[in-house]
């Protein structure tokens, strides 16, 4: 059995955000059509190392794929000159069970997560949205910005804030300001969260926070949230009161109820399960409505699905073959 092995460098050479966005959209639609399965999330906290491991797995029947991804986030690695964010993705053929590929998962995760947050914004935000706010300036932030500007070219200003390390926001804003690809847009690192949030039409949160950072009284009518950081029990980035009266959508309803941004608002009684409108794939497939007015608050709770990694990984395998990249191993 010949298996493709891809390292991060090979994946970076072949994957492009527009193709990743297209693949993620298709997966969400397949999920709405009942052609996918999300298997239970497994996670473990290495408390002494202040680290976490999680395993996400599933099956995309529409693509005849199944597999799993293990991610490790060991932030203390930085002190020893080691990368803090590592993982492996394994993809199998669902017709035969034969492995198709083994690859680095960190870059694929960044790309497909950026696509997911942006798809939520494009689908649910007001069409006239011009100001984007990114909470968190770590590894994931740049991908959220790039994907959002592809899907929402009308965005004219991007605020970036990082409550843990403000210098990260400054550096990220400077990088985008220097890029000739985004001359139509202004980028600004901000310290005054209340002011920036109040001016923003779209807010994407990508932090590991376990207490609310954005307060309800700061936001204006018509704001959209793509909540990306809350992907394990106890994580929380926005005031749970924001959920009350909002139109709420999940990437996977069951998983979001358990570990998403909606976990705590549900637990504390700000909303009930009946307040969840449905899943983003159902909106993309035309099965349910998205935003219905200019004034309502919309929330996309994205906990992350292995389905997205599988399809993105398959794309990387196909593109790598075309370019003669990667290692072919007999197993």
Protein backbone atom coordinates (compact mmCIF):
# COMPACT_ATOMS: atom_id res chain seq x y z
CA UNK A 1 0.00 0.00 0.00
CA UNK A 2 1.45 3.33 -1.07
CA UNK A 3 0.89 6.19 1.36
CA UNK A 4 1.72 9.85 0.79
CA UNK A 5 3.71 11.51 3.56
CA UNK A 6 3.69 15.32 3.59
CA UNK A 7 5.61 17.69 5.81
CA UNK A 8 4.61 21.26 6.54
CA UNK A 9 6.92 22.73 3.90
CA UNK A 10 5.33 20.64 1.14
CA UNK A 11 1.82 21.51 2.30
CA UNK A 12 2.64 25.21 2.40
CA UNK A 13 3.83 25.01 -1.21
CA UNK A 14 0.60 23.52 -2.54
CA UNK A 15 -2.34 24.75 -0.44
CA UNK A 16 -4.01 28.03 -1.38
CA UNK A 17 -6.73 29.68 0.67
CA UNK A 18 -9.38 29.96 -2.10
CA UNK A 19 -9.26 26.18 -2.65
CA UNK A 20 -9.39 25.52 1.08
CA UNK A 21 -12.43 27.81 1.42
CA UNK A 22 -14.20 25.97 -1.39
CA UNK A 23 -13.49 22.61 0.23
CA UNK A 24 -14.69 23.73 3.66
CA UNK A 25 -17.92 25.10 2.20
CA UNK A 26 -18.56 21.81 0.44
CA UNK A 27 -17.96 19.82 3.64
CA UNK A 28 -20.44 21.97 5.56
CA UNK A 29 -23.03 21.33 2.83
CA UNK A 30 -22.32 17.59 2.86
CA UNK A 31 -22.83 17.64 6.61
CA UNK A 32 -26.20 19.32 6.13
CA UNK A 33 -27.08 16.57 3.64
CA UNK A 34 -26.30 13.87 6.20
CA UNK A 35 -23.22 12.65 4.34
CA UNK A 36 -20.74 13.04 7.21
CA UNK A 37 -20.22 11.74 10.72
CA UNK A 38 -18.44 13.56 13.56
CA UNK A 39 -17.01 11.14 16.13
CA UNK A 40 -16.59 12.08 19.82
CA UNK A 41 -13.82 14.50 20.73
CA UNK A 42 -11.01 13.24 22.95
CA UNK A 43 -8.87 15.70 24.92
CA UNK A 44 -6.39 15.65 27.75
CA UNK A 45 -4.75 18.41 29.82
CA UNK A 46 -1.08 18.00 30.72
CA UNK A 47 -1.44 20.29 33.72
CA UNK A 48 2.22 20.44 34.77
CA UNK A 49 3.20 21.42 31.24
CA UNK A 50 0.22 23.79 30.87
CA UNK A 51 -0.43 21.86 27.68
CA UNK A 52 -3.33 20.16 25.97
CA UNK A 53 -3.84 17.36 23.46
CA UNK A 54 -6.98 16.71 21.47
CA UNK A 55 -8.06 14.13 18.92
CA UNK A 56 -10.78 14.90 16.39
CA UNK A 57 -12.06 12.33 13.97
CA UNK A 58 -14.86 11.68 11.53
CA UNK A 59 -16.03 10.47 8.15
CA UNK A 60 -16.93 12.32 4.94
CA UNK A 61 -19.01 9.84 2.97
CA UNK A 62 -19.39 12.29 0.11
CA UNK A 63 -15.63 12.10 -0.41
CA UNK A 64 -15.11 8.50 0.78
CA UNK A 65 -12.75 9.70 3.50
CA UNK A 66 -12.35 9.01 7.18
CA UNK A 67 -9.56 9.67 9.61
CA UNK A 68 -8.30 11.55 12.61
CA UNK A 69 -6.14 14.44 13.70
CA UNK A 70 -4.13 14.68 16.91
CA UNK A 71 -3.03 18.17 17.92
CA UNK A 72 -0.67 19.07 20.75
CA UNK A 73 -0.36 22.59 22.15
CA UNK A 74 2.66 22.77 24.47
CA UNK A 75 3.31 26.53 24.95
CA UNK A 76 6.32 25.99 27.22
CA UNK A 77 8.19 24.52 24.24
CA UNK A 78 9.07 28.08 23.23
CA UNK A 79 11.46 28.30 26.18
CA UNK A 80 13.45 25.42 24.70
CA UNK A 81 13.36 26.61 21.11
CA UNK A 82 10.77 24.02 20.11
CA UNK A 83 7.52 24.64 18.19
CA UNK A 84 4.56 24.81 20.60
CA UNK A 85 1.85 23.70 18.16
CA UNK A 86 2.25 20.26 16.58
CA UNK A 87 0.06 17.54 15.18
CA UNK A 88 -0.47 14.74 12.71
CA UNK A 89 -3.34 14.04 10.33
CA UNK A 90 -4.12 10.53 9.06
CA UNK A 91 -6.51 10.03 6.13
CA UNK A 92 -8.07 6.74 5.01
CA UNK A 93 -10.17 5.59 2.06
CA UNK A 94 -13.66 4.75 3.37
CA UNK A 95 -14.29 2.25 0.60
CA UNK A 96 -11.34 0.06 1.51
CA UNK A 97 -9.90 1.31 4.82
CA UNK A 98 -6.54 1.76 3.09
CA UNK A 99 -4.48 4.73 4.35
CA UNK A 100 -4.10 7.54 1.82
CA UNK A 101 -1.86 9.98 3.63
CA UNK A 102 -0.05 10.96 6.81
CA UNK A 103 0.90 14.59 7.21
CA UNK A 104 1.66 17.56 9.41
CA UNK A 105 -1.60 18.92 10.77
CA UNK A 106 -0.65 22.36 12.07
CA UNK A 107 -0.70 24.26 8.77
CA UNK A 108 -3.80 22.44 7.54
CA UNK A 109 -5.52 23.35 10.82
CA UNK A 110 -4.59 27.00 10.44
CA UNK A 111 -5.84 27.16 6.85
CA UNK A 112 -9.14 25.33 7.32
CA UNK A 113 -9.88 27.21 10.58
CA UNK A 114 -9.29 30.54 8.85
CA UNK A 115 -11.66 29.44 6.11
CA UNK A 116 -14.30 28.37 8.64
CA UNK A 117 -14.33 31.66 10.55
CA UNK A 118 -14.52 33.66 7.34
CA UNK A 119 -17.31 31.50 5.89
CA UNK A 120 -19.34 32.11 9.04
CA UNK A 121 -18.79 35.85 8.68
CA UNK A 122 -19.59 35.95 4.97
CA UNK A 123 -22.74 33.87 5.48
CA UNK A 124 -24.16 35.65 8.53
CA UNK A 125 -22.74 39.18 8.70
CA UNK A 126 -24.45 42.20 7.17
CA UNK A 127 -23.60 42.58 3.49
CA UNK A 128 -22.46 46.15 4.10
CA UNK A 129 -19.95 45.19 6.82
CA UNK A 130 -16.74 47.22 6.49
CA UNK A 131 -14.90 46.84 9.80
CA UNK A 132 -13.43 43.58 11.10
CA UNK A 133 -12.16 43.03 14.64
CA UNK A 134 -9.79 40.14 15.41
CA UNK A 135 -9.44 39.21 19.08
CA UNK A 136 -6.18 37.32 19.54
CA UNK A 137 -3.01 37.86 17.51
CA UNK A 138 -1.48 34.40 17.75
CA UNK A 139 -0.79 31.85 15.04
CA UNK A 140 -4.41 31.64 13.83
CA UNK A 141 -5.16 35.37 13.45
CA UNK A 142 -3.44 35.92 10.10
CA UNK A 143 -5.39 33.09 8.48
CA UNK A 144 -8.68 34.50 9.75
CA UNK A 145 -7.80 37.88 8.25
CA UNK A 146 -6.66 36.50 4.89
CA UNK A 147 -9.73 34.30 4.44
CA UNK A 148 -12.10 37.07 5.54
CA UNK A 149 -10.67 39.56 3.07
CA UNK A 150 -11.03 37.01 0.27
CA UNK A 151 -14.72 36.42 1.05
CA UNK A 152 -15.52 39.98 2.16
CA UNK A 153 -13.49 42.31 -0.08
CA UNK A 154 -15.62 45.24 1.05
CA UNK A 155 -13.82 45.25 4.43
CA UNK A 156 -11.91 48.53 4.72
CA UNK A 157 -10.49 48.35 8.24
CA UNK A 158 -9.18 45.56 10.45
CA UNK A 159 -8.67 46.04 14.18
CA UNK A 160 -6.36 43.55 15.91
CA UNK A 161 -6.15 43.12 19.69
CA UNK A 162 -4.28 40.73 21.95
CA UNK A 163 -4.93 41.00 25.68
CA UNK A 164 -2.09 38.60 26.54
CA UNK A 165 0.66 40.15 24.42
CA UNK A 166 -0.17 43.47 22.80
CA UNK A 167 3.09 43.40 20.82
CA UNK A 168 1.73 40.45 18.84
CA UNK A 169 -1.10 42.65 17.62
CA UNK A 170 1.30 45.46 16.72
CA UNK A 171 3.56 43.16 14.72
CA UNK A 172 0.66 41.50 12.90
CA UNK A 173 -0.89 44.84 11.94
CA UNK A 174 2.47 46.06 10.65
CA UNK A 175 2.93 42.91 8.53
CA UNK A 176 -0.43 43.38 6.84
CA UNK A 177 0.11 47.12 6.38
CA UNK A 178 3.32 46.37 4.48
CA UNK A 179 1.70 43.81 2.19
CA UNK A 180 0.83 45.06 -1.27
CA UNK A 181 -1.99 42.51 -1.41
CA UNK A 182 -4.14 44.55 1.00
CA UNK A 183 -3.66 48.17 -0.06
CA UNK A 184 -7.44 48.70 -0.01
CA UNK A 185 -7.58 47.97 3.71
CA UNK A 186 -6.15 49.58 6.85
CA UNK A 187 -4.84 47.52 9.78
CA UNK A 188 -4.60 48.81 13.32
CA UNK A 189 -3.47 47.26 16.58
CA UNK A 190 -5.75 48.44 19.39
CA UNK A 191 -5.60 48.50 23.17
CA UNK A 192 -9.00 50.07 23.80
CA UNK A 193 -11.22 47.06 23.26
CA UNK A 194 -14.48 48.80 24.06
CA UNK A 195 -14.01 51.46 21.37
CA UNK A 196 -12.81 49.06 18.68
CA UNK A 197 -15.54 46.50 19.38
CA UNK A 198 -18.17 49.23 19.26
CA UNK A 199 -17.02 50.28 15.79
CA UNK A 200 -16.81 46.77 14.36
CA UNK A 201 -19.32 44.98 12.13
CA UNK A 202 -17.64 41.56 12.25
CA UNK A 203 -15.79 40.13 15.26
CA UNK A 204 -13.70 36.96 15.07
CA UNK A 205 -12.33 35.58 18.33
CA UNK A 206 -9.28 33.29 18.33
CA UNK A 207 -7.98 33.09 21.91
CA UNK A 208 -7.64 30.34 24.53
CA UNK A 209 -9.55 32.45 27.07
CA UNK A 210 -11.55 30.87 29.88
CA UNK A 211 -13.32 34.07 30.89
CA UNK A 212 -15.22 36.63 28.77
CA UNK A 213 -13.12 39.30 27.06
CA UNK A 214 -15.82 41.10 25.05
CA UNK A 215 -18.75 42.59 26.97
CA UNK A 216 -22.32 42.83 25.70
CA UNK A 217 -22.60 46.57 26.35
CA UNK A 218 -19.73 47.25 23.95
CA UNK A 219 -21.31 45.81 20.82
CA UNK A 220 -23.57 47.61 18.37
CA UNK A 221 -26.75 46.25 16.74
CA UNK A 222 -26.11 44.08 13.71
CA UNK A 223 -22.73 42.75 14.84
CA UNK A 224 -21.65 39.28 13.73
CA UNK A 225 -19.43 37.00 15.83
CA UNK A 226 -17.40 34.05 14.57
CA UNK A 227 -16.26 32.41 17.81
CA UNK A 228 -13.29 30.16 17.06
CA UNK A 229 -11.24 29.86 20.25
CA UNK A 230 -13.72 28.01 22.47
CA UNK A 231 -13.17 24.41 21.43
CA UNK A 232 -12.87 22.62 24.78
CA UNK A 233 -14.92 22.57 27.97
CA UNK A 234 -14.66 25.76 30.01
CA UNK A 235 -13.30 28.01 27.28
CA UNK A 236 -15.13 31.32 26.88
CA UNK A 237 -14.30 34.46 24.88
CA UNK A 238 -17.45 36.59 24.85
CA UNK A 239 -20.01 37.68 27.44
CA UNK A 240 -22.63 34.91 27.66
CA UNK A 241 -25.34 37.59 27.76
CA UNK A 242 -24.53 38.33 24.09
CA UNK A 243 -26.22 35.04 23.21
CA UNK A 244 -29.58 36.13 24.63
CA UNK A 245 -31.74 37.18 21.69
CA UNK A 246 -29.04 36.46 19.10
CA UNK A 247 -29.34 34.17 16.08
CA UNK A 248 -27.00 31.30 16.91
CA UNK A 249 -25.42 28.78 14.53
CA UNK A 250 -22.98 25.90 15.13
CA UNK A 251 -20.52 24.00 12.99
CA UNK A 252 -21.69 20.85 14.80
CA UNK A 253 -24.55 21.39 17.22
CA UNK A 254 -23.82 18.51 19.59
CA UNK A 255 -20.13 19.36 19.83
CA UNK A 256 -20.79 23.08 20.32
CA UNK A 257 -23.24 22.38 23.14
CA UNK A 258 -20.56 20.37 24.89
CA UNK A 259 -17.37 22.36 24.28
CA UNK A 260 -18.20 25.49 22.24
CA UNK A 261 -18.76 29.14 23.06
CA UNK A 262 -22.42 28.32 23.68
CA UNK A 263 -21.55 25.79 26.42
CA UNK A 264 -21.59 28.33 29.27
CA UNK A 265 -24.58 30.43 28.07
CA UNK A 266 -26.56 27.17 27.92
CA UNK A 267 -25.34 26.04 31.33
CA UNK A 268 -26.14 29.38 32.95
CA UNK A 269 -29.59 29.71 31.40
CA UNK A 270 -29.03 32.65 29.06
CA UNK A 271 -30.27 30.46 26.21
CA UNK A 272 -31.82 27.03 25.73
CA UNK A 273 -31.09 24.44 23.10
CA UNK A 274 -34.19 25.61 21.24
CA UNK A 275 -32.52 28.99 20.70
CA UNK A 276 -29.89 27.43 18.43
CA UNK A 277 -31.05 28.07 14.87
CA UNK A 278 -29.07 25.20 13.38
CA UNK A 279 -25.74 24.58 11.67
CA UNK A 280 -23.83 26.73 9.21
CA UNK A 281 -24.02 24.02 6.55
CA UNK A 282 -27.81 24.19 6.65
CA UNK A 283 -27.63 27.91 5.87
CA UNK A 284 -25.15 27.35 3.03
CA UNK A 285 -27.40 24.60 1.63
CA UNK A 286 -30.49 26.81 1.80
CA UNK A 287 -32.21 24.57 4.36
CA UNK A 288 -32.59 27.28 7.02
CA UNK A 289 -32.40 31.06 7.13
CA UNK A 290 -29.38 33.06 8.18
CA UNK A 291 -29.53 36.70 9.18
CA UNK A 292 -33.04 38.15 8.89
CA UNK A 293 -32.46 41.81 9.78
CA UNK A 294 -29.76 44.48 9.86
CA UNK A 295 -30.08 44.91 13.62
CA UNK A 296 -29.87 41.37 14.97
CA UNK A 297 -26.74 39.85 16.47
CA UNK A 298 -25.52 36.69 14.75
CA UNK A 299 -23.11 34.14 16.24
CA UNK A 300 -21.26 31.32 14.51
CA UNK A 301 -19.85 28.91 17.08
CA UNK A 302 -17.04 26.94 15.40
CA UNK A 303 -15.47 24.24 17.54
CA UNK A 304 -13.49 22.69 14.69
CA UNK A 305 -14.30 19.50 12.78
CA UNK A 306 -11.94 16.80 11.57
CA UNK A 307 -14.11 16.70 8.44
CA UNK A 308 -12.52 19.97 7.35
CA UNK A 309 -9.01 18.62 7.91
CA UNK A 310 -9.75 15.45 5.93
CA UNK A 311 -10.94 17.28 2.84
CA UNK A 312 -8.16 19.87 3.07
CA UNK A 313 -5.62 17.07 3.52
CA UNK A 314 -6.98 15.23 0.48
CA UNK A 315 -6.59 18.43 -1.54
CA UNK A 316 -2.98 18.73 -0.35
CA UNK A 317 -2.27 15.12 -1.39
CA UNK A 318 -3.68 15.67 -4.89
CA UNK A 319 -1.80 18.93 -5.41
CA UNK A 320 1.45 17.45 -4.07
CA UNK A 321 1.19 14.55 -6.53
CA UNK A 322 0.74 16.99 -9.40
CA UNK A 323 3.91 18.83 -8.39
CA UNK A 324 5.95 15.76 -7.50
CA UNK A 325 6.22 16.70 -3.82
CA UNK A 326 6.08 14.54 -0.72
CA UNK A 327 7.35 11.06 0.10
CA UNK A 328 5.62 7.91 -1.11
CA UNK A 329 5.99 5.09 1.39
CA UNK A 330 4.92 1.46 1.23
CA UNK A 331 3.19 0.36 4.43
